[in-house]
N, C-alpha and C. Protein backbone atom coordinates (compact mmCIF):
# COMPACT_ATOMS: atom_id res chain seq x y z
N MET A 1 2.48 4.00 29.33
CA MET A 1 2.93 4.09 27.98
C MET A 1 2.65 5.35 27.45
N GLU A 2 3.63 6.02 26.78
CA GLU A 2 3.33 7.49 26.41
C GLU A 2 2.54 7.48 25.21
N THR A 3 1.85 8.71 25.02
CA THR A 3 0.98 8.90 23.92
C THR A 3 1.71 8.69 22.52
N GLY A 4 0.96 8.09 21.56
CA GLY A 4 1.61 7.88 20.31
C GLY A 4 2.46 6.70 20.14
N THR A 5 2.56 5.90 21.31
CA THR A 5 3.35 4.76 21.23
C THR A 5 2.54 3.42 21.80
N ARG A 6 2.64 2.43 20.95
CA ARG A 6 1.82 1.16 21.35
C ARG A 6 2.87 -0.03 21.32
N ALA A 7 2.70 -0.84 22.31
CA ALA A 7 3.73 -1.98 22.29
C ALA A 7 2.99 -3.30 22.50
N ARG A 8 3.70 -4.43 21.76
CA ARG A 8 3.10 -5.73 22.01
C ARG A 8 4.35 -6.55 22.18
N SER A 9 4.47 -7.13 23.42
CA SER A 9 5.79 -7.76 23.68
C SER A 9 7.09 -6.96 23.38
N ALA A 10 7.78 -7.39 22.55
CA ALA A 10 9.04 -6.68 22.15
C ALA A 10 8.87 -5.73 20.96
N LEU A 11 7.73 -5.45 20.62
CA LEU A 11 7.37 -4.66 19.55
C LEU A 11 6.75 -3.30 19.89
N THR A 12 7.27 -2.27 19.33
CA THR A 12 6.67 -0.84 19.68
C THR A 12 6.28 -0.27 18.20
N VAL A 13 5.21 0.26 18.33
CA VAL A 13 4.80 1.25 17.10
C VAL A 13 4.80 2.53 17.85
N ARG A 14 5.48 3.55 17.04
CA ARG A 14 5.53 4.75 17.48
C ARG A 14 5.55 5.75 16.26
N GLU A 15 5.33 6.98 16.41
CA GLU A 15 5.36 7.97 15.34
C GLU A 15 6.80 8.10 14.82
N VAL A 16 6.98 8.21 13.56
CA VAL A 16 8.29 8.38 12.84
C VAL A 16 9.10 9.41 13.24
N ALA A 17 10.37 9.26 13.40
CA ALA A 17 11.24 10.37 13.56
C ALA A 17 12.15 10.56 12.26
N ALA A 18 12.68 11.62 12.03
CA ALA A 18 13.60 12.04 10.92
C ALA A 18 14.76 10.87 10.89
N ALA A 19 15.25 10.52 11.96
CA ALA A 19 16.20 9.52 11.96
C ALA A 19 15.91 8.13 11.40
N ASP A 20 14.46 7.76 11.26
CA ASP A 20 13.98 6.65 10.82
C ASP A 20 14.08 6.47 9.25
N VAL A 21 14.10 7.71 8.59
CA VAL A 21 13.82 7.80 7.20
C VAL A 21 14.63 6.96 6.36
N PRO A 22 15.94 6.76 6.58
CA PRO A 22 16.75 5.76 5.75
C PRO A 22 16.14 4.36 5.86
N ALA A 23 15.76 3.97 7.09
CA ALA A 23 15.23 2.55 7.33
C ALA A 23 13.88 2.43 6.76
N VAL A 24 13.12 3.51 6.83
CA VAL A 24 11.73 3.47 6.07
C VAL A 24 12.00 3.26 4.65
N ILE A 25 12.84 3.95 4.00
CA ILE A 25 12.94 3.88 2.44
C ILE A 25 13.46 2.55 2.19
N THR A 26 14.34 2.01 3.04
CA THR A 26 14.91 0.68 2.77
C THR A 26 13.73 -0.30 2.80
N LEU A 27 12.94 -0.32 3.85
CA LEU A 27 11.88 -1.36 3.90
C LEU A 27 10.89 -1.18 2.77
N VAL A 28 10.52 0.00 2.49
CA VAL A 28 9.49 0.15 1.43
C VAL A 28 10.16 -0.19 0.09
N THR A 29 11.26 -0.05 -0.27
CA THR A 29 12.07 -0.62 -1.38
C THR A 29 12.02 -2.07 -1.45
N GLN A 30 12.50 -2.63 -0.31
CA GLN A 30 12.55 -4.15 -0.31
C GLN A 30 11.12 -4.76 -0.56
N VAL A 31 10.17 -4.19 0.12
CA VAL A 31 8.79 -4.84 0.01
C VAL A 31 8.21 -4.60 -1.51
N LEU A 32 8.47 -3.43 -2.02
CA LEU A 32 8.00 -3.21 -3.40
C LEU A 32 8.89 -4.20 -4.28
N GLY A 33 10.08 -4.31 -4.12
CA GLY A 33 10.96 -5.13 -4.98
C GLY A 33 10.40 -6.59 -4.91
N GLU A 34 9.73 -7.17 -3.81
CA GLU A 34 9.19 -8.53 -3.75
C GLU A 34 8.11 -8.64 -4.76
N PHE A 35 7.50 -7.60 -5.27
CA PHE A 35 6.45 -7.62 -6.17
C PHE A 35 6.85 -7.00 -7.49
N GLY A 36 8.06 -6.87 -7.68
CA GLY A 36 8.52 -6.37 -9.10
C GLY A 36 8.36 -4.89 -9.22
N ILE A 37 8.21 -4.23 -8.31
CA ILE A 37 7.85 -2.77 -8.23
C ILE A 37 9.15 -2.03 -7.84
N ALA A 38 9.51 -1.07 -8.73
CA ALA A 38 10.68 -0.21 -8.30
C ALA A 38 10.30 0.97 -7.51
N PHE A 39 10.86 1.30 -6.48
CA PHE A 39 10.58 2.45 -5.62
C PHE A 39 10.62 3.71 -6.46
N GLY A 40 9.70 4.62 -6.26
CA GLY A 40 9.65 5.80 -7.10
C GLY A 40 8.96 5.76 -8.49
N GLU A 41 8.63 4.47 -8.87
CA GLU A 41 7.87 4.50 -10.11
C GLU A 41 6.45 4.17 -9.86
N GLY A 42 5.53 4.89 -10.43
CA GLY A 42 4.10 4.78 -10.30
C GLY A 42 3.51 5.38 -9.07
N SER A 43 4.10 5.95 -8.24
CA SER A 43 3.47 6.62 -7.11
C SER A 43 4.37 7.73 -6.58
N ALA A 44 3.74 8.89 -6.74
CA ALA A 44 4.69 10.17 -6.15
C ALA A 44 4.70 10.04 -4.69
N THR A 45 3.91 9.21 -4.03
CA THR A 45 4.15 9.24 -2.48
C THR A 45 5.44 8.49 -2.06
N ASP A 46 6.12 7.86 -2.90
CA ASP A 46 7.42 7.32 -2.44
C ASP A 46 8.47 8.42 -2.20
N ALA A 47 8.51 9.40 -3.21
CA ALA A 47 9.54 10.42 -2.91
C ALA A 47 9.18 11.36 -1.80
N GLU A 48 7.96 11.36 -1.23
CA GLU A 48 7.53 12.07 -0.12
C GLU A 48 8.19 11.53 1.19
N LEU A 49 8.60 10.27 1.05
CA LEU A 49 9.08 9.63 2.48
C LEU A 49 10.41 10.56 2.91
N VAL A 50 11.19 11.01 2.06
CA VAL A 50 12.38 11.79 2.45
C VAL A 50 11.98 12.87 3.47
N GLY A 51 10.78 13.48 3.28
CA GLY A 51 10.28 14.63 4.10
C GLY A 51 9.73 14.29 5.41
N LEU A 52 9.83 12.93 5.82
CA LEU A 52 9.14 12.47 7.03
C LEU A 52 9.91 13.09 8.11
N PRO A 53 9.20 13.30 9.32
CA PRO A 53 7.76 13.28 9.61
C PRO A 53 6.91 14.43 9.04
N GLY A 54 7.60 15.52 8.65
CA GLY A 54 6.76 16.87 8.36
C GLY A 54 5.90 16.82 7.29
N VAL A 55 6.34 15.88 6.22
CA VAL A 55 5.42 15.97 4.98
C VAL A 55 3.91 15.32 5.35
N TYR A 56 3.84 14.51 6.36
CA TYR A 56 2.54 13.97 6.82
C TYR A 56 2.08 15.03 7.84
N ARG A 57 2.86 15.20 8.85
CA ARG A 57 2.23 16.00 10.11
C ARG A 57 1.88 17.32 9.63
N ASP A 58 2.51 17.92 8.86
CA ASP A 58 2.34 19.43 8.58
C ASP A 58 0.98 19.65 7.86
N VAL A 59 0.34 18.55 7.33
CA VAL A 59 -0.85 18.67 6.64
C VAL A 59 -2.01 17.92 7.41
N GLY A 60 -1.73 17.47 8.61
CA GLY A 60 -2.82 16.99 9.43
C GLY A 60 -2.80 15.49 9.40
N GLY A 61 -1.79 14.78 8.76
CA GLY A 61 -1.54 13.32 8.87
C GLY A 61 -0.64 12.80 9.87
N ALA A 62 -0.28 11.56 9.77
CA ALA A 62 0.69 10.98 10.81
C ALA A 62 1.17 9.73 10.04
N PHE A 63 2.43 9.28 10.50
CA PHE A 63 3.20 8.23 10.04
C PHE A 63 3.84 7.41 11.12
N TRP A 64 3.71 6.07 11.15
CA TRP A 64 4.19 5.36 12.26
C TRP A 64 5.08 4.25 11.72
N VAL A 65 6.08 3.81 12.63
CA VAL A 65 6.90 2.67 12.36
C VAL A 65 6.72 1.70 13.52
N ALA A 66 6.97 0.41 13.13
CA ALA A 66 6.95 -0.54 14.07
C ALA A 66 8.43 -1.10 14.27
N ILE A 67 8.83 -1.14 15.54
CA ILE A 67 10.25 -1.48 15.82
C ILE A 67 10.21 -2.68 16.61
N ASP A 68 11.12 -3.69 16.31
CA ASP A 68 11.10 -4.97 16.91
C ASP A 68 11.88 -4.96 18.15
N GLY A 69 11.99 -6.04 18.88
CA GLY A 69 12.86 -5.99 20.04
C GLY A 69 14.35 -5.90 19.73
N GLU A 70 14.83 -6.01 18.60
CA GLU A 70 16.24 -5.85 18.26
C GLU A 70 16.54 -4.55 17.77
N ALA A 71 15.53 -3.59 17.82
CA ALA A 71 15.58 -2.26 17.30
C ALA A 71 15.60 -2.14 15.74
N ARG A 72 15.02 -3.22 15.22
CA ARG A 72 14.86 -3.17 13.72
C ARG A 72 13.58 -2.51 13.41
N LEU A 73 13.50 -1.67 12.24
CA LEU A 73 12.27 -1.23 11.75
C LEU A 73 11.58 -2.26 10.88
N VAL A 74 10.50 -2.90 11.31
CA VAL A 74 9.82 -4.04 10.54
C VAL A 74 8.58 -3.59 9.96
N GLY A 75 8.01 -2.35 10.09
CA GLY A 75 6.73 -2.01 9.50
C GLY A 75 6.52 -0.39 9.51
N THR A 76 5.68 0.02 8.55
CA THR A 76 5.41 1.38 8.45
C THR A 76 3.99 1.47 8.06
N ALA A 77 3.44 2.62 8.36
CA ALA A 77 1.99 2.88 8.02
C ALA A 77 1.81 4.52 8.20
N GLY A 78 1.13 5.17 7.19
CA GLY A 78 0.84 6.49 7.31
C GLY A 78 -0.54 6.86 6.90
N VAL A 79 -1.14 7.91 7.34
CA VAL A 79 -2.39 8.44 6.99
C VAL A 79 -2.27 9.82 6.66
N TYR A 80 -2.87 10.31 5.37
CA TYR A 80 -2.70 11.55 4.71
C TYR A 80 -4.24 11.95 4.44
N PRO A 81 -4.44 13.16 4.84
CA PRO A 81 -5.74 13.75 4.39
C PRO A 81 -5.94 13.99 3.05
N LEU A 82 -7.03 13.56 2.42
CA LEU A 82 -7.28 13.85 1.02
C LEU A 82 -8.36 14.80 0.87
N ALA A 83 -9.55 14.72 1.60
CA ALA A 83 -10.64 15.63 1.48
C ALA A 83 -11.14 15.75 2.97
N ASP A 84 -12.11 16.66 3.11
CA ASP A 84 -12.69 16.84 4.40
C ASP A 84 -13.34 15.43 4.99
N GLY A 85 -12.71 14.86 6.04
CA GLY A 85 -13.31 13.62 6.80
C GLY A 85 -12.71 12.27 6.11
N VAL A 86 -11.74 12.56 4.99
CA VAL A 86 -11.31 11.38 4.28
C VAL A 86 -9.74 11.28 4.42
N PHE A 87 -9.22 10.19 4.92
CA PHE A 87 -7.75 9.92 5.00
C PHE A 87 -7.39 8.74 4.15
N GLU A 88 -6.21 8.93 3.51
CA GLU A 88 -5.71 7.73 2.70
C GLU A 88 -4.67 7.07 3.47
N LEU A 89 -4.82 5.75 3.75
CA LEU A 89 -3.80 4.81 4.34
C LEU A 89 -2.71 4.70 3.32
N ARG A 90 -1.45 5.05 3.75
CA ARG A 90 -0.24 4.95 2.76
C ARG A 90 0.83 4.20 3.37
N LYS A 91 1.57 3.54 2.48
CA LYS A 91 2.82 2.98 2.79
C LYS A 91 2.78 2.05 3.92
N MET A 92 1.77 1.15 4.10
CA MET A 92 1.49 0.07 4.99
C MET A 92 2.41 -1.04 4.61
N TYR A 93 3.53 -1.12 4.92
CA TYR A 93 4.56 -2.21 4.52
C TYR A 93 5.07 -2.95 5.75
N LEU A 94 5.24 -4.24 5.59
CA LEU A 94 5.77 -5.14 6.79
C LEU A 94 7.00 -5.79 6.18
N ALA A 95 8.09 -5.96 6.77
CA ALA A 95 9.14 -6.85 6.62
C ALA A 95 8.69 -8.22 6.52
N ARG A 96 9.19 -9.05 5.53
CA ARG A 96 8.70 -10.42 5.50
C ARG A 96 8.54 -11.19 6.79
N GLU A 97 9.66 -11.06 7.78
CA GLU A 97 9.74 -11.63 9.00
C GLU A 97 8.65 -11.16 9.99
N ALA A 98 8.12 -10.03 9.72
CA ALA A 98 7.06 -9.48 10.67
C ALA A 98 5.69 -9.88 10.21
N ARG A 99 5.49 -10.40 9.16
CA ARG A 99 4.03 -10.62 8.67
C ARG A 99 3.50 -11.74 9.52
N GLY A 100 2.19 -11.76 9.72
CA GLY A 100 1.48 -12.71 10.52
C GLY A 100 1.62 -12.73 11.96
N LEU A 101 2.34 -11.63 12.52
CA LEU A 101 2.70 -11.66 13.83
C LEU A 101 1.82 -10.52 14.62
N GLY A 102 0.88 -9.91 13.86
CA GLY A 102 0.04 -8.89 14.35
C GLY A 102 0.71 -7.30 14.36
N VAL A 103 1.76 -7.34 13.64
CA VAL A 103 2.33 -5.99 13.36
C VAL A 103 1.55 -5.16 12.56
N GLY A 104 1.00 -5.77 11.53
CA GLY A 104 0.02 -4.86 10.61
C GLY A 104 -1.24 -4.53 11.45
N ALA A 105 -1.64 -5.19 12.34
CA ALA A 105 -2.88 -4.78 13.12
C ALA A 105 -2.49 -3.79 14.07
N LEU A 106 -1.47 -3.80 14.64
CA LEU A 106 -0.99 -2.55 15.53
C LEU A 106 -0.85 -1.30 14.83
N LEU A 107 -0.18 -1.41 13.56
CA LEU A 107 0.05 -0.09 12.84
C LEU A 107 -1.40 0.20 12.38
N PHE A 108 -2.39 -0.55 11.98
CA PHE A 108 -3.53 -0.30 11.59
C PHE A 108 -4.37 0.23 12.60
N GLU A 109 -4.25 -0.09 13.76
CA GLU A 109 -4.96 0.37 15.00
C GLU A 109 -4.61 1.78 15.32
N ALA A 110 -3.17 1.96 15.26
CA ALA A 110 -2.70 3.43 15.38
C ALA A 110 -3.27 4.38 14.37
N ALA A 111 -3.29 3.90 13.10
CA ALA A 111 -3.85 4.81 11.97
C ALA A 111 -5.22 4.96 12.08
N SER A 112 -6.05 3.92 12.45
CA SER A 112 -7.50 4.19 12.46
C SER A 112 -7.99 5.05 13.65
N ASP A 113 -7.23 4.84 14.72
CA ASP A 113 -7.51 5.53 16.00
C ASP A 113 -7.26 7.12 15.67
N PHE A 114 -6.25 7.35 15.02
CA PHE A 114 -5.75 8.65 14.66
C PHE A 114 -6.89 9.36 13.84
N CYS A 115 -7.33 8.60 12.70
CA CYS A 115 -8.36 9.08 11.82
C CYS A 115 -9.57 9.27 12.55
N ARG A 116 -10.06 8.40 13.55
CA ARG A 116 -11.30 8.67 14.27
C ARG A 116 -11.19 9.85 15.16
N ARG A 117 -9.96 10.05 15.78
CA ARG A 117 -9.90 11.32 16.62
C ARG A 117 -9.84 12.49 15.82
N ALA A 118 -9.50 12.46 14.58
CA ALA A 118 -9.48 13.52 13.71
C ALA A 118 -10.92 13.83 12.96
N GLY A 119 -11.73 13.01 13.43
CA GLY A 119 -13.08 13.14 12.94
C GLY A 119 -13.42 12.70 11.43
N ALA A 120 -12.52 11.72 11.14
CA ALA A 120 -12.72 11.21 9.81
C ALA A 120 -13.89 10.27 9.64
N SER A 121 -14.39 10.41 8.36
CA SER A 121 -15.55 9.56 8.17
C SER A 121 -15.29 8.23 7.27
N ALA A 122 -14.05 8.37 6.72
CA ALA A 122 -13.54 7.06 5.86
C ALA A 122 -11.99 7.15 5.75
N ILE A 123 -11.44 6.01 5.53
CA ILE A 123 -10.17 5.76 5.19
C ILE A 123 -10.18 4.97 3.90
N VAL A 124 -9.38 5.61 2.97
CA VAL A 124 -9.33 4.85 1.59
C VAL A 124 -7.77 4.52 1.29
N LEU A 125 -7.61 3.54 0.31
CA LEU A 125 -6.27 3.12 0.00
C LEU A 125 -6.39 2.57 -1.39
N ASP A 126 -5.10 2.46 -1.99
CA ASP A 126 -5.03 1.81 -3.30
C ASP A 126 -3.81 0.74 -3.18
N THR A 127 -3.98 -0.23 -3.87
CA THR A 127 -2.95 -1.38 -3.77
C THR A 127 -2.79 -1.98 -5.08
N THR A 128 -2.04 -3.08 -5.07
CA THR A 128 -1.98 -3.97 -6.38
C THR A 128 -2.41 -5.44 -6.14
N ASP A 129 -3.00 -5.90 -7.22
CA ASP A 129 -3.49 -7.36 -7.14
C ASP A 129 -2.49 -8.21 -6.70
N GLU A 130 -1.25 -7.96 -6.84
CA GLU A 130 -0.32 -8.88 -6.37
C GLU A 130 -0.11 -9.05 -4.87
N MET A 131 -0.47 -8.04 -4.18
CA MET A 131 -0.20 -8.03 -2.82
C MET A 131 -1.47 -8.64 -2.07
N GLN A 132 -1.63 -9.99 -2.36
CA GLN A 132 -2.82 -10.74 -1.67
C GLN A 132 -2.95 -10.72 -0.16
N GLN A 133 -1.82 -10.91 0.47
CA GLN A 133 -1.89 -10.94 1.91
C GLN A 133 -2.53 -9.55 2.47
N ALA A 134 -1.97 -8.55 1.84
CA ALA A 134 -2.43 -7.15 2.19
C ALA A 134 -3.98 -7.00 1.90
N ILE A 135 -4.37 -7.33 0.87
CA ILE A 135 -5.73 -7.29 0.47
C ILE A 135 -6.57 -8.06 1.52
N ALA A 136 -6.09 -9.32 1.74
CA ALA A 136 -6.97 -10.10 2.64
C ALA A 136 -6.93 -9.41 4.13
N PHE A 137 -5.89 -8.68 4.44
CA PHE A 137 -5.87 -8.02 5.65
C PHE A 137 -6.96 -6.84 5.79
N TYR A 138 -6.93 -5.98 4.58
CA TYR A 138 -7.72 -5.05 4.53
C TYR A 138 -9.20 -5.37 4.46
N GLU A 139 -9.54 -6.44 3.82
CA GLU A 139 -10.96 -6.95 3.85
C GLU A 139 -11.44 -7.46 5.14
N ARG A 140 -10.45 -8.14 5.75
CA ARG A 140 -10.69 -8.55 7.20
C ARG A 140 -11.12 -7.52 8.08
N HIS A 141 -10.50 -6.25 7.88
CA HIS A 141 -10.59 -5.08 8.70
C HIS A 141 -11.80 -4.26 8.13
N GLY A 142 -12.55 -4.69 7.32
CA GLY A 142 -13.89 -3.87 7.00
C GLY A 142 -13.71 -3.04 5.55
N PHE A 143 -12.58 -3.02 5.02
CA PHE A 143 -12.46 -2.25 3.63
C PHE A 143 -13.18 -3.01 2.62
N VAL A 144 -14.00 -2.14 1.77
CA VAL A 144 -14.66 -2.82 0.68
C VAL A 144 -14.14 -2.19 -0.63
N ARG A 145 -14.00 -2.99 -1.64
CA ARG A 145 -13.55 -2.48 -2.83
C ARG A 145 -14.19 -1.36 -3.49
N ASP A 146 -13.29 -0.47 -3.86
CA ASP A 146 -13.87 0.96 -4.53
C ASP A 146 -12.68 1.34 -5.35
N ASP A 147 -12.71 1.08 -6.58
CA ASP A 147 -11.71 1.24 -7.64
C ASP A 147 -11.57 2.82 -7.90
N SER A 148 -12.54 3.56 -7.55
CA SER A 148 -12.49 4.94 -7.69
C SER A 148 -11.38 5.49 -6.74
N GLN A 149 -10.78 4.82 -5.85
CA GLN A 149 -9.81 5.18 -5.01
C GLN A 149 -8.47 5.02 -5.49
N ILE A 150 -8.26 4.41 -6.68
CA ILE A 150 -6.86 4.15 -7.25
C ILE A 150 -6.21 5.45 -7.68
N ARG A 151 -5.06 5.83 -7.05
CA ARG A 151 -4.35 7.10 -7.33
C ARG A 151 -3.06 6.84 -8.07
N GLY A 152 -2.39 5.72 -7.63
CA GLY A 152 -1.00 5.31 -8.25
C GLY A 152 -1.12 4.59 -9.41
N SER A 153 -0.50 4.92 -10.48
CA SER A 153 -0.40 4.18 -11.73
C SER A 153 0.03 2.71 -11.52
N ARG A 154 0.76 2.33 -10.47
CA ARG A 154 1.12 0.93 -10.32
C ARG A 154 0.02 0.33 -9.53
N CYS A 155 -1.03 0.82 -9.23
CA CYS A 155 -2.07 0.26 -8.48
C CYS A 155 -3.25 -0.39 -9.37
N SER A 156 -3.86 -1.31 -8.93
CA SER A 156 -4.83 -1.86 -9.70
C SER A 156 -6.12 -2.29 -8.83
N ARG A 157 -6.10 -1.67 -7.45
CA ARG A 157 -7.42 -1.79 -6.76
C ARG A 157 -7.43 -0.67 -5.71
N GLY A 158 -8.67 -0.34 -5.49
CA GLY A 158 -8.89 0.73 -4.49
C GLY A 158 -9.94 0.07 -3.46
N TYR A 159 -9.85 0.66 -2.16
CA TYR A 159 -10.76 0.34 -1.08
C TYR A 159 -10.99 1.52 -0.34
N ARG A 160 -12.23 1.29 0.34
CA ARG A 160 -12.76 2.33 1.26
C ARG A 160 -13.24 1.62 2.54
N LEU A 161 -13.04 2.30 3.78
CA LEU A 161 -13.46 1.86 5.00
C LEU A 161 -14.34 3.04 5.56
N ASP A 162 -15.58 2.70 5.75
CA ASP A 162 -16.45 3.65 6.21
C ASP A 162 -16.37 3.70 7.84
N LEU A 163 -15.93 4.70 8.44
CA LEU A 163 -15.77 4.77 9.89
C LEU A 163 -16.99 5.00 10.55
N THR A 164 -18.06 5.69 9.95
CA THR A 164 -19.24 6.07 10.66
C THR A 164 -20.03 4.92 10.94
N ALA A 165 -19.81 3.72 10.26
CA ALA A 165 -20.56 2.50 10.37
C ALA A 165 -19.87 1.49 11.51
N ARG A 166 -18.80 2.01 12.08
CA ARG A 166 -18.08 1.09 13.02
C ARG A 166 -18.29 1.64 14.32
């Protein structure tokens, strides 16, 4: 398996390519819509997606996509450096049909491995109370509530994962 690519049966997690951007934006828009949130409102990071992959890579971050066996983009996740040793987990979204199948775990594994290799001490994120499945996922993976991590006006919860304790 090539570096930067992970596979589970017919699923592949790989770094995003510029050609993926329309599908990334479509997926993010659809998932936000499930929660009554409009793409581009309450989070400046939505607009940054048009600049993938450079907008993350050029500052020392990374962004991944999950592609199913029918070549459909079914998941996204990115990490973006905020401060020395701290990365923000951004845009971790899964298509409805991909939830509960381990797609999120593969994306998170790619993201957390990247952060550890980069010498990070923590991963932080913000989310909204309505995203209960995502919140449960983060908490199962060791994130603890830390509302000081809230950055987006549409978000109501913050979380932090201490990588030095793992």
